Structures are given as structure tokens and as C-alpha cells.
């Protein structure tokens, strides 16, 4: 059962644009650096994201969004709670991020 992990960031207004770009690049690179704990191979199906460009004006401060796809709830749970690459990424963005919103779902489960 595939899981979609949606991550929304509000980047601090005084964050350096080069640092923000580097953090976004590191986020996308998690697809290859996050390794399954028993197979020792990448387990993230896909990651995509970028800077908000919506004309609707409903962002409520959110500046960047990312979508991460996992093959299973177990893979998502490992990523969120244990994966060393993900944990290092989370620690690395503390000075850049004002707010984080995460919403996960399985398509069709309401």
C-alpha cells in the first residue's frame, strides 16, 4: 500500500537563498541517500518539490512543498522515525525553517 508523505515548509524570511537552495537539493537527494535497513538499497519511490508559485494566496506562510512517495507504511515509518540520512537532514534545516506541516495519506482511504 503506497503512502504519500507531503511536507510543507515556511522558510524564515531572513534565510539566505543559497542555503535554501542547498537544503532543497539535500531534500531531493534523500531519494538516493536513504537506504532500506535490511536491503541496504534506496527505498523512496520518488521525491519532488520546490518553491511555491500559487496565485491563490492561500499559502498561510508556506513557501516550499515536497511530495515523497513510499511503497509501504513501514518504509514511511522507518524514514520518519529512524533513517539516519533523514534525521541528519532534519537537523540540518533547523536554522532555515519557521514552520513545518506534514500530511501523509494512502490514496483512496478517507
Protein backbone atom coordinates (compact mmCIF):
# COMPACT_ATOMS: atom_id res chain seq x y z
CA UNK A 1 0.00 0.00 0.00
CA UNK A 2 1.69 3.20 -1.24
CA UNK A 3 1.95 6.19 1.12
CA UNK A 4 2.24 9.82 0.07
CA UNK A 5 4.21 11.98 2.53
CA UNK A 6 3.57 15.69 1.98
CA UNK A 7 5.97 18.16 3.61
CA UNK A 8 5.37 21.92 3.59
CA UNK A 9 7.93 24.42 4.84
CA UNK A 10 7.75 28.05 5.80
CA UNK A 11 11.29 29.25 5.28
CA UNK A 12 12.43 32.11 7.53
CA UNK A 13 12.31 35.48 5.78
CA UNK A 14 15.98 36.19 6.53
CA UNK A 15 17.23 32.83 5.21
CA UNK A 16 19.97 33.10 2.60
CA UNK A 17 18.69 31.91 -0.80
CA UNK A 18 21.83 29.83 -1.37
CA UNK A 19 21.25 28.00 1.92
CA UNK A 20 17.60 27.41 0.99
CA UNK A 21 18.58 26.00 -2.43
CA UNK A 22 21.19 23.75 -0.81
CA UNK A 23 18.60 22.45 1.69
CA UNK A 24 16.10 21.76 -1.10
CA UNK A 25 18.78 19.90 -3.07
CA UNK A 26 19.59 17.82 0.02
CA UNK A 27 15.90 17.01 0.46
CA UNK A 28 15.61 15.76 -3.13
CA UNK A 29 18.86 13.78 -2.70
CA UNK A 30 17.26 11.76 0.13
CA UNK A 31 15.78 9.54 -2.60
CA UNK A 32 19.25 8.08 -3.11
CA UNK A 33 20.81 8.51 0.34
CA UNK A 34 18.02 6.90 2.38
CA UNK A 35 18.74 3.16 2.41
CA UNK A 36 16.45 0.35 3.48
CA UNK A 37 17.65 -1.09 6.82
CA UNK A 38 17.82 -4.72 5.64
CA UNK A 39 18.29 -4.49 1.85
CA UNK A 40 20.73 -1.54 2.05
CA UNK A 41 19.21 -0.09 -1.14
CA UNK A 42 17.25 3.12 -1.75
CA UNK A 43 13.59 2.65 -0.76
CA UNK A 44 11.94 6.00 -1.54
CA UNK A 45 9.88 5.66 -4.72
CA UNK A 46 10.03 9.35 -5.64
CA UNK A 47 10.58 12.85 -4.29
CA UNK A 48 9.57 16.06 -5.97
CA UNK A 49 9.11 19.57 -4.75
CA UNK A 50 10.00 23.21 -4.98
CA UNK A 51 9.18 26.80 -4.16
CA UNK A 52 5.52 27.83 -4.01
CA UNK A 53 4.18 29.70 -7.03
CA UNK A 54 0.43 29.50 -6.46
CA UNK A 55 -1.58 32.60 -7.43
CA UNK A 56 -4.38 31.72 -4.99
CA UNK A 57 -2.87 33.44 -1.96
CA UNK A 58 -3.82 30.59 0.40
CA UNK A 59 -0.30 29.60 1.46
CA UNK A 60 -0.57 30.91 5.03
CA UNK A 61 3.18 31.50 5.07
CA UNK A 62 4.19 28.20 3.44
CA UNK A 63 6.98 28.81 0.94
CA UNK A 64 8.08 25.34 -0.24
CA UNK A 65 6.40 21.96 -0.73
CA UNK A 66 7.63 18.41 -1.27
CA UNK A 67 5.95 15.10 -2.04
CA UNK A 68 7.67 11.86 -1.02
CA UNK A 69 6.26 8.50 -2.17
CA UNK A 70 6.82 5.28 -0.25
CA UNK A 71 5.85 1.73 -1.19
CA UNK A 72 4.57 0.95 2.30
CA UNK A 73 3.61 2.38 5.65
CA UNK A 74 6.59 0.52 7.12
CA UNK A 75 9.00 2.32 4.78
CA UNK A 76 7.45 5.68 5.66
CA UNK A 77 7.61 4.92 9.37
CA UNK A 78 11.30 3.95 9.14
CA UNK A 79 12.03 7.15 7.19
CA UNK A 80 10.23 9.38 9.69
CA UNK A 81 11.49 7.82 12.91
CA UNK A 82 14.84 6.17 12.23
CA UNK A 83 16.53 6.69 8.85
CA UNK A 84 19.92 8.32 9.62
CA UNK A 85 20.01 10.31 6.37
CA UNK A 86 16.57 11.77 7.01
CA UNK A 87 17.39 12.51 10.64
CA UNK A 88 20.57 14.35 9.57
CA UNK A 89 18.57 16.36 7.03
CA UNK A 90 16.02 17.37 9.68
CA UNK A 91 18.81 18.56 11.98
CA UNK A 92 20.45 20.49 9.13
CA UNK A 93 17.46 22.73 8.37
CA UNK A 94 16.67 23.96 11.87
CA UNK A 95 18.06 27.45 11.26
CA UNK A 96 16.17 27.87 7.97
CA UNK A 97 12.67 26.74 8.85
CA UNK A 98 10.00 28.74 10.64
CA UNK A 99 7.23 26.12 10.36
CA UNK A 100 6.76 22.59 9.01
CA UNK A 101 3.47 20.92 8.11
CA UNK A 102 3.34 17.22 7.30
CA UNK A 103 0.32 15.39 5.89
CA UNK A 104 0.52 11.71 4.93
CA UNK A 105 -2.15 9.71 3.14
CA UNK A 106 -2.96 6.50 1.35
CA UNK A 107 -4.83 7.27 -1.85
CA UNK A 108 -8.50 6.37 -1.62
CA UNK A 109 -8.63 5.97 2.17
CA UNK A 110 -10.95 8.65 3.50
